């Protein structure tokens, strides 16, 4: 399965994250990106957060004021069947390789991206297939908007 990088998003902490055209991904995440709450965000097992552009479009159609980067994802990807992504999947993106480690738990900080502050709309427990995903970095490298994304299922 292949897709592409639709948006690369970074911030000095918090949301929304701003779009950049390219970024190096290191062991602890994207250069120029940081988190306000290091207890619940970041670290080697949650170095990169990913979400689907198609899911953003579907959420907008439901009336949510979401856009790429507003719920804290670093990479907004398109062209993948998001409902089939799960921990254990490896992703080649640009020069980097990531391994999905867990579904990201939604928090109140992303509430402004949802109608009536309904941030649990992207909870994997309540809405399977709609969550952001966290990843660890297996190979560091440069990623650019438009880069091809290739998935490899690991047993």
Protein backbone atom coordinates (compact mmCIF):
# COMPACT_ATOMS: atom_id res chain seq x y z
CA UNK A 1 0.00 0.00 0.00
CA UNK A 2 1.36 3.42 -0.91
CA UNK A 3 0.35 7.00 -0.20
CA UNK A 4 2.06 10.36 0.05
CA UNK A 5 2.96 13.04 2.57
CA UNK A 6 0.28 15.75 2.35
CA UNK A 7 1.60 17.97 5.16
CA UNK A 8 4.54 18.12 7.60
CA UNK A 9 3.65 19.89 10.85
CA UNK A 10 5.80 21.25 13.69
CA UNK A 11 5.43 23.65 16.64
CA UNK A 12 7.38 25.11 19.54
CA UNK A 13 4.89 23.29 21.77
CA UNK A 14 1.16 22.73 21.67
CA UNK A 15 -1.32 22.97 18.82
CA UNK A 16 -1.88 23.90 16.14
CA UNK A 17 1.31 22.80 14.46
CA UNK A 18 2.42 24.84 11.42
CA UNK A 19 3.16 23.35 8.01
CA UNK A 20 6.73 23.18 6.71
CA UNK A 21 7.83 21.95 3.26
CA UNK A 22 10.49 19.54 4.54
CA UNK A 23 11.96 18.34 7.80
CA UNK A 24 14.54 15.94 9.15
CA UNK A 25 13.17 13.19 11.37
CA UNK A 26 15.51 12.15 14.19
CA UNK A 27 15.22 9.50 16.89
CA UNK A 28 13.09 11.80 19.08
CA UNK A 29 10.92 13.29 16.33
CA UNK A 30 10.92 16.12 13.82
CA UNK A 31 13.55 18.83 14.03
CA UNK A 32 11.95 22.08 15.17
CA UNK A 33 9.06 20.31 16.91
CA UNK A 34 8.48 20.09 20.65
CA UNK A 35 5.69 19.25 23.07
CA UNK A 36 4.42 21.19 26.08
CA UNK A 37 3.57 18.02 28.03
CA UNK A 38 6.55 15.63 27.84
CA UNK A 39 4.88 13.17 30.23
CA UNK A 40 2.08 12.34 27.77
CA UNK A 41 3.69 13.32 24.43
CA UNK A 42 6.99 12.69 22.69
CA UNK A 43 9.78 10.30 23.59
CA UNK A 44 11.20 7.50 21.44
CA UNK A 45 7.98 5.42 21.29
CA UNK A 46 5.88 8.50 20.39
CA UNK A 47 8.48 10.39 18.35
CA UNK A 48 6.17 11.04 15.38
CA UNK A 49 2.37 11.37 15.27
CA UNK A 50 0.52 10.61 12.03
CA UNK A 51 -3.00 11.21 10.76
CA UNK A 52 -4.90 10.83 7.48
CA UNK A 53 -5.89 13.73 5.22
CA UNK A 54 -8.99 11.75 4.23
CA UNK A 55 -10.07 11.51 7.89
CA UNK A 56 -9.60 15.28 8.21
CA UNK A 57 -11.87 15.76 5.17
CA UNK A 58 -14.49 13.42 6.62
CA UNK A 59 -14.38 15.22 9.98
CA UNK A 60 -14.75 18.60 8.23
CA UNK A 61 -17.81 17.18 6.42
CA UNK A 62 -19.26 16.41 9.89
CA UNK A 63 -18.83 20.09 10.76
CA UNK A 64 -15.59 19.95 12.74
CA UNK A 65 -13.16 22.89 12.17
CA UNK A 66 -10.14 20.58 11.84
CA UNK A 67 -7.22 21.08 9.42
CA UNK A 68 -3.79 19.47 8.96
CA UNK A 69 -1.70 20.00 12.09
CA UNK A 70 -4.51 21.24 14.32
CA UNK A 71 -4.74 18.02 16.31
CA UNK A 72 -0.99 17.73 16.76
CA UNK A 73 -0.01 15.29 14.05
CA UNK A 74 3.46 15.71 12.60
CA UNK A 75 2.75 13.96 9.31
CA UNK A 76 -0.57 14.22 7.53
CA UNK A 77 -0.68 11.37 5.02
CA UNK A 78 -3.03 10.68 2.13
CA UNK A 79 -3.89 7.72 -0.04
CA UNK A 80 -3.69 5.04 2.66
CA UNK A 81 -6.51 2.88 4.00
CA UNK A 82 -6.31 4.38 7.49
CA UNK A 83 -8.69 1.84 9.04
CA UNK A 84 -6.12 -0.91 8.39
CA UNK A 85 -3.14 0.82 10.03
CA UNK A 86 -2.15 -0.52 13.43
CA UNK A 87 0.82 -0.82 15.78
CA UNK A 88 3.51 -3.00 14.23
CA UNK A 89 3.17 -1.51 10.74
CA UNK A 90 6.40 -0.13 9.29
CA UNK A 91 6.31 2.96 7.12
CA UNK A 92 8.97 4.19 4.71
CA UNK A 93 8.51 7.95 4.28
CA UNK A 94 11.13 9.95 2.41
CA UNK A 95 14.53 8.86 3.76
CA UNK A 96 13.05 7.80 7.11
CA UNK A 97 11.52 4.57 8.33
CA UNK A 98 8.96 4.51 11.16
CA UNK A 99 7.19 1.78 13.06
CA UNK A 100 3.71 2.43 14.41
CA UNK A 101 3.72 1.84 18.17
CA UNK A 102 0.27 2.84 19.50
CA UNK A 103 -2.90 4.77 18.89
CA UNK A 104 -2.68 8.33 20.19
CA UNK A 105 -5.06 9.15 23.03
CA UNK A 106 -6.98 12.35 22.35
CA UNK A 107 -6.68 15.14 24.91
CA UNK A 108 -8.47 18.36 25.68
CA UNK A 109 -5.74 20.42 23.99
CA UNK A 110 -7.12 19.45 20.56
CA UNK A 111 -10.72 20.31 21.48
CA UNK A 112 -10.83 23.50 19.37
CA UNK A 113 -10.58 21.33 16.25
CA UNK A 114 -13.91 19.69 17.04
CA UNK A 115 -17.49 20.86 17.10
CA UNK A 116 -18.66 21.21 20.72
CA UNK A 117 -15.09 20.35 21.87
CA UNK A 118 -15.77 16.67 20.96
CA UNK A 119 -12.08 15.64 20.88
CA UNK A 120 -12.96 12.00 21.68
CA UNK A 121 -14.17 11.81 18.07
CA UNK A 122 -10.62 10.59 17.30
CA UNK A 123 -10.51 8.04 20.15
CA UNK A 124 -9.59 4.55 18.93
CA UNK A 125 -11.67 3.01 21.73
CA UNK A 126 -14.83 4.93 20.80
CA UNK A 127 -14.30 5.25 17.03
CA UNK A 128 -11.98 2.50 15.73
CA UNK A 129 -10.01 3.54 12.64
CA UNK A 130 -10.27 7.28 13.37
CA UNK A 131 -7.32 7.74 15.74
CA UNK A 132 -3.98 9.35 15.16
CA UNK A 133 -1.05 6.94 15.37
CA UNK A 134 2.28 7.27 17.17
CA UNK A 135 5.52 5.93 15.72
CA UNK A 136 9.11 5.31 16.70
CA UNK A 137 11.94 6.10 14.30
CA UNK A 138 13.79 3.09 12.90
CA UNK A 139 15.82 5.11 10.38
CA UNK A 140 16.37 8.86 10.56
CA UNK A 141 16.15 11.00 7.44
CA UNK A 142 14.72 13.91 5.49
CA UNK A 143 11.01 13.98 4.63
CA UNK A 144 9.38 16.35 2.13
CA UNK A 145 5.76 17.15 1.29
CA UNK A 146 4.83 14.93 -1.66
CA UNK A 147 7.18 12.08 -0.68
CA UNK A 148 5.86 8.59 -1.30
CA UNK A 149 4.79 6.59 1.76
CA UNK A 150 5.11 2.79 1.64
CA UNK A 151 3.65 0.44 4.23
CA UNK A 152 5.07 -2.89 5.29
CA UNK A 153 3.13 -5.08 7.71
CA UNK A 154 5.34 -6.68 10.37
CA UNK A 155 4.23 -9.82 12.18
